[in-house]
Amino acid sequence: MSVGSATMTATREGLSGTAAITVDAPVLAFLSERDGSQGVYVTNADGSAVASLTSNTWVDELAWSPDGRRIAFRSSREGNAEIYVMNADGSAQTNLTNNAADDYALAWSQDGQKIAFTSYRDGNDEIYVMNADGSAQTNLTNNAANDFTPVWSPDGQKIAFVSARDGNGEIYVMNADGSAPTNLTSNAADDLAPAWSPDGLKIAFESIRDGNYYRIYVMNADGSAQTRLTNSAASDLLPRWRP
């Protein structure tokens, strides 16, 4: 990941003074409670120069922009869950959603121009999309049931999400403008946590359809050929494809 030749200066964990994080090298972002409140930290790929970016304000999720220049995150620093964005060095932290209801479960589009997210501003969970600067916030689902956990297809043309509109959690897919929502799983048990394959041809997900534990499944992007991949004695959750 190349994001320029600059370095950023931040306080090294447990030491006074500063330590340089090399932004043009691979950098890892993570959440930690080491300063008393869960926040966003970064470190060089070798673990050196751990730096806090959010200064003791509680953060629950984070996601790098595709170009590695920005980090979006969820914080309740203003009283409710909002989606923020900041530069990779922690500067220019900006509240994008600015809404009295909770906004969460963010996902960058592959071109970095848009962010999909879940919002409770309509009295139930809905999938929204906005430009990466927070403008043009638009409800894509407009349904009385809960819709949540948006995930962009690799080509940016579709969004997979979970909906309870059929009485339980199902994996749906819709066009990026919210049109043509389609139930892919159509199962009496909950199907959750969709994850697109890098080529966009398959979607992995978790399902409890085979008993008391969640298993990992995979299906074609049109919902066909649903196949169980795991069968352990405990729940298997949150599938993630290797890039």
Protein backbone atom coordinates (compact mmCIF):
# COMPACT_ATOMS: atom_id res chain seq x y z
CA MET A 1 0.00 0.00 0.00
CA SER A 2 1.62 3.23 -1.13
CA VAL A 3 0.12 6.40 0.25
CA GLY A 4 2.96 8.85 -0.17
CA SER A 5 6.38 9.33 1.34
CA ALA A 6 5.40 11.29 4.42
CA THR A 7 5.77 10.14 7.99
CA MET A 8 3.52 10.98 10.86
CA THR A 9 4.58 11.81 14.38
CA ALA A 10 2.67 10.34 17.30
CA THR A 11 3.28 9.38 20.88
CA ARG A 12 4.83 5.94 21.21
CA GLU A 13 2.98 3.67 23.61
CA GLY A 14 4.40 3.81 27.10
CA LEU A 15 7.12 6.33 26.28
CA SER A 16 7.42 10.09 26.27
CA GLY A 17 8.45 11.84 23.10
CA THR A 18 7.50 10.84 19.56
CA ALA A 19 8.05 8.02 17.14
CA ALA A 20 7.78 8.06 13.35
CA ILE A 21 5.23 5.88 11.62
CA THR A 22 6.21 5.36 8.00
CA VAL A 23 3.01 5.88 6.05
CA ASP A 24 4.41 4.64 2.74
CA ALA A 25 5.13 1.23 4.29
CA PRO A 26 2.40 -1.29 5.15
CA VAL A 27 0.63 0.04 8.25
CA LEU A 28 -1.74 -1.86 10.51
CA ALA A 29 -4.70 -0.14 12.17
CA PHE A 30 -6.37 -1.75 15.17
CA LEU A 31 -8.58 -1.07 18.20
CA SER A 32 -7.17 -1.05 21.72
CA GLU A 33 -8.28 -0.12 25.25
CA ARG A 34 -4.71 0.41 26.44
CA ASP A 35 -5.36 4.07 27.31
CA GLY A 36 -8.60 3.42 29.16
CA SER A 37 -11.00 3.90 26.27
CA GLN A 38 -11.11 1.82 23.10
CA GLY A 39 -9.57 3.80 20.27
CA VAL A 40 -7.86 3.53 16.89
CA TYR A 41 -4.13 2.80 16.88
CA VAL A 42 -1.65 2.27 14.07
CA THR A 43 1.70 0.58 13.94
CA ASN A 44 4.40 -0.15 11.41
CA ALA A 45 4.34 -3.63 9.90
CA ASP A 46 7.10 -4.77 12.26
CA GLY A 47 5.16 -3.63 15.34
CA SER A 48 7.27 -0.53 15.95
CA ALA A 49 5.97 2.95 16.75
CA VAL A 50 2.50 2.17 18.07
CA ALA A 51 0.50 5.42 17.92
CA SER A 52 -2.94 6.47 19.13
CA LEU A 53 -5.03 8.39 16.60
CA THR A 54 -8.30 9.04 18.41
CA SER A 55 -7.22 10.31 21.85
CA ASN A 56 -9.33 8.44 24.38
CA THR A 57 -12.67 8.56 22.56
CA TRP A 58 -14.50 5.23 22.35
CA VAL A 59 -14.38 3.62 18.89
CA ASP A 60 -16.15 0.38 17.96
CA GLU A 61 -15.21 -0.28 14.34
CA LEU A 62 -12.79 0.93 11.69
CA ALA A 63 -12.13 0.50 7.97
CA TRP A 64 -9.32 1.73 5.73
CA SER A 65 -10.29 3.53 2.55
CA PRO A 66 -9.23 1.50 -0.53
CA ASP A 67 -6.35 3.90 -1.27
CA GLY A 68 -5.06 3.70 2.31
CA ARG A 69 -5.19 7.47 2.84
CA ARG A 70 -8.15 7.59 5.22
CA ILE A 71 -9.72 5.59 8.03
CA ALA A 72 -13.46 5.58 8.64
CA PHE A 73 -14.61 4.62 12.11
CA ARG A 74 -17.61 4.58 14.42
CA SER A 75 -17.54 6.63 17.60
CA SER A 76 -20.05 7.72 20.24
CA ARG A 77 -18.01 10.78 21.25
CA GLU A 78 -20.98 13.07 20.59
CA GLY A 79 -23.50 10.96 22.52
CA ASN A 80 -24.59 8.39 19.93
CA ALA A 81 -22.94 6.18 17.34
CA GLU A 82 -21.76 8.24 14.36
CA ILE A 83 -19.51 7.50 11.40
CA TYR A 84 -16.33 9.55 11.23
CA VAL A 85 -13.42 9.75 8.84
CA MET A 86 -9.84 10.88 9.41
CA ASN A 87 -6.60 10.98 7.50
CA ALA A 88 -4.24 8.05 8.00
CA ASP A 89 -2.19 10.14 10.45
CA GLY A 90 -5.25 10.89 12.61
CA SER A 91 -5.73 14.46 11.40
CA ALA A 92 -8.96 16.03 10.13
CA GLN A 93 -11.34 13.85 12.16
CA THR A 94 -14.80 14.61 10.79
CA ASN A 95 -18.29 13.45 11.72
CA LEU A 96 -19.88 12.38 8.45
CA THR A 97 -23.36 11.38 9.60
CA ASN A 98 -24.33 14.05 12.19
CA ASN A 99 -27.61 12.40 13.08
CA ALA A 100 -29.37 11.90 16.42
CA ALA A 101 -29.88 8.19 15.70
CA ASP A 102 -27.17 5.51 15.66
CA ASP A 103 -25.17 5.01 12.44
CA TYR A 104 -22.83 2.03 12.18
CA ALA A 105 -21.62 -0.99 10.15
CA LEU A 106 -19.78 1.07 7.55
CA ALA A 107 -18.33 -0.21 4.27
CA TRP A 108 -16.25 1.69 1.69
CA SER A 109 -17.02 1.27 -2.00
CA GLN A 110 -14.09 -0.13 -3.95
CA ASP A 111 -13.35 3.22 -5.61
CA GLY A 112 -13.36 5.02 -2.24
CA GLN A 113 -16.03 7.47 -3.40
CA LYS A 114 -18.91 6.22 -1.25
CA ILE A 115 -19.60 4.68 2.16
CA ALA A 116 -22.55 2.38 2.83
CA PHE A 117 -23.74 2.08 6.42
CA THR A 118 -26.62 1.05 8.67
CA SER A 119 -28.75 3.76 10.28
CA TYR A 120 -31.55 3.71 12.84
CA ARG A 121 -32.73 7.23 11.94
CA ASP A 122 -36.03 5.97 10.47
CA GLY A 123 -37.03 4.01 13.58
CA ASN A 124 -35.56 0.76 12.34
CA ASP A 125 -32.29 -0.34 10.76
CA GLU A 126 -31.94 0.74 7.12
CA ILE A 127 -29.07 0.63 4.62
CA TYR A 128 -27.87 4.11 3.67
CA VAL A 129 -25.17 5.29 1.30
CA MET A 130 -23.33 8.61 1.28
CA ASN A 131 -20.45 10.22 -0.54
CA ALA A 132 -17.12 9.84 1.24
CA ASP A 133 -17.37 13.45 2.45
CA GLY A 134 -20.75 12.73 4.13
CA SER A 135 -22.92 14.41 1.51
CA ALA A 136 -25.96 12.91 -0.24
CA GLN A 137 -27.00 10.50 2.53
CA THR A 138 -29.65 8.28 0.95
CA ASN A 139 -31.85 5.48 2.31
CA LEU A 140 -31.49 2.53 -0.08
CA THR A 141 -33.79 -0.01 1.56
CA ASN A 142 -36.86 1.90 2.82
CA ASN A 143 -38.39 -1.15 4.45
CA ALA A 144 -40.32 -1.58 7.71
CA ALA A 145 -38.10 -4.52 8.71
CA ASN A 146 -34.49 -4.24 9.81
CA ASP A 147 -31.85 -4.13 7.04
CA PHE A 148 -28.21 -4.07 8.09
CA THR A 149 -24.57 -5.03 7.41
CA PRO A 150 -24.00 -3.70 3.87
CA VAL A 151 -21.12 -5.14 1.82
CA TRP A 152 -20.12 -3.80 -1.62
CA SER A 153 -19.48 -6.12 -4.53
CA PRO A 154 -15.92 -5.78 -5.87
CA ASP A 155 -17.12 -3.95 -8.98
CA GLY A 156 -19.20 -1.51 -6.90
CA GLN A 157 -22.38 -2.33 -8.80
CA LYS A 158 -24.20 -4.22 -6.02
CA ILE A 159 -24.55 -4.28 -2.24
CA ALA A 160 -25.18 -7.46 -0.25
CA PHE A 161 -26.89 -7.03 3.11
CA VAL A 162 -28.93 -8.80 5.77
CA SER A 163 -32.67 -8.23 5.99
CA ALA A 164 -35.35 -9.45 8.40
CA ARG A 165 -38.19 -8.53 6.03
CA ASP A 166 -39.11 -12.20 5.58
CA GLY A 167 -39.31 -12.86 9.31
CA ASN A 168 -35.69 -13.84 9.93
CA GLY A 169 -32.21 -12.85 8.82
CA GLU A 170 -31.67 -13.46 5.11
CA ILE A 171 -28.89 -12.49 2.71
CA TYR A 172 -30.15 -10.02 0.12
CA VAL A 173 -28.45 -8.28 -2.76
CA MET A 174 -29.51 -5.04 -4.45
CA ASN A 175 -28.15 -2.69 -7.04
CA ALA A 176 -25.95 0.08 -5.64
CA ASP A 177 -28.81 2.56 -6.05
CA GLY A 178 -31.12 0.36 -3.92
CA SER A 179 -33.14 -1.06 -6.79
CA ALA A 180 -33.97 -4.73 -7.37
CA PRO A 181 -33.53 -6.12 -3.81
CA THR A 182 -33.41 -9.91 -4.06
CA ASN A 183 -33.49 -12.57 -1.35
CA LEU A 184 -30.65 -14.99 -2.06
CA THR A 185 -30.98 -17.43 0.85
CA SER A 186 -34.75 -17.88 1.46
CA ASN A 187 -34.25 -20.10 4.49
CA ALA A 188 -36.26 -20.44 7.71
CA ALA A 189 -33.10 -20.04 9.82
CA ASP A 190 -30.92 -16.94 10.15
CA ASP A 191 -28.32 -16.29 7.44
CA LEU A 192 -25.90 -13.47 8.31
CA ALA A 193 -22.52 -11.81 7.66
CA PRO A 194 -22.25 -11.80 3.84
CA ALA A 195 -18.76 -11.53 2.32
CA TRP A 196 -18.09 -11.17 -1.42
CA SER A 197 -15.27 -13.13 -2.99
CA PRO A 198 -12.63 -10.88 -4.59
CA ASP A 199 -13.81 -11.83 -8.09
CA GLY A 200 -17.43 -11.08 -7.19
CA LEU A 201 -18.65 -14.51 -8.22
CA LYS A 202 -19.44 -15.91 -4.77
CA ILE A 203 -20.74 -14.80 -1.38
CA ALA A 204 -19.73 -16.50 1.86
CA PHE A 205 -22.02 -16.21 4.89
CA GLU A 206 -22.84 -17.75 8.25
CA SER A 207 -26.03 -19.76 8.83
CA ILE A 208 -27.68 -21.58 11.70
CA ARG A 209 -29.85 -23.68 9.38
CA ASP A 210 -28.20 -26.97 10.40
CA GLY A 211 -28.79 -26.92 14.14
CA ASN A 212 -27.75 -24.95 17.20
CA TYR A 213 -24.47 -23.59 15.82
CA TYR A 214 -23.58 -21.26 12.99
CA ARG A 215 -21.70 -22.77 10.07
CA ILE A 216 -19.90 -21.11 7.19
CA TYR A 217 -21.60 -21.41 3.82
CA VAL A 218 -20.79 -20.23 0.34
CA MET A 219 -23.06 -19.62 -2.64
CA ASN A 220 -22.88 -18.20 -6.12
CA ALA A 221 -23.58 -14.47 -6.29
CA ASP A 222 -27.06 -15.22 -7.65
CA GLY A 223 -27.88 -17.40 -4.62
CA SER A 224 -27.47 -20.76 -6.33
CA ALA A 225 -25.33 -23.70 -5.14
CA GLN A 226 -25.50 -22.94 -1.40
CA THR A 227 -22.89 -25.19 0.18
CA ARG A 228 -21.83 -25.71 3.78
CA LEU A 229 -18.06 -25.41 4.29
CA THR A 230 -17.69 -26.06 8.02
CA ASN A 231 -19.17 -28.52 10.49
CA SER A 232 -17.53 -27.97 13.86
CA ALA A 233 -18.94 -28.55 17.34
CA ALA A 234 -18.96 -24.79 17.94
CA SER A 235 -20.18 -21.80 15.97
CA ASP A 236 -18.14 -20.65 12.95
CA LEU A 237 -18.60 -16.95 12.26
CA LEU A 238 -17.67 -13.95 10.09
CA PRO A 239 -16.14 -15.44 6.92
CA ARG A 240 -13.55 -13.25 5.23
CA TRP A 241 -11.95 -13.92 1.84
CA ARG A 242 -8.22 -13.53 1.30
CA PRO A 243 -7.60 -10.67 -1.19
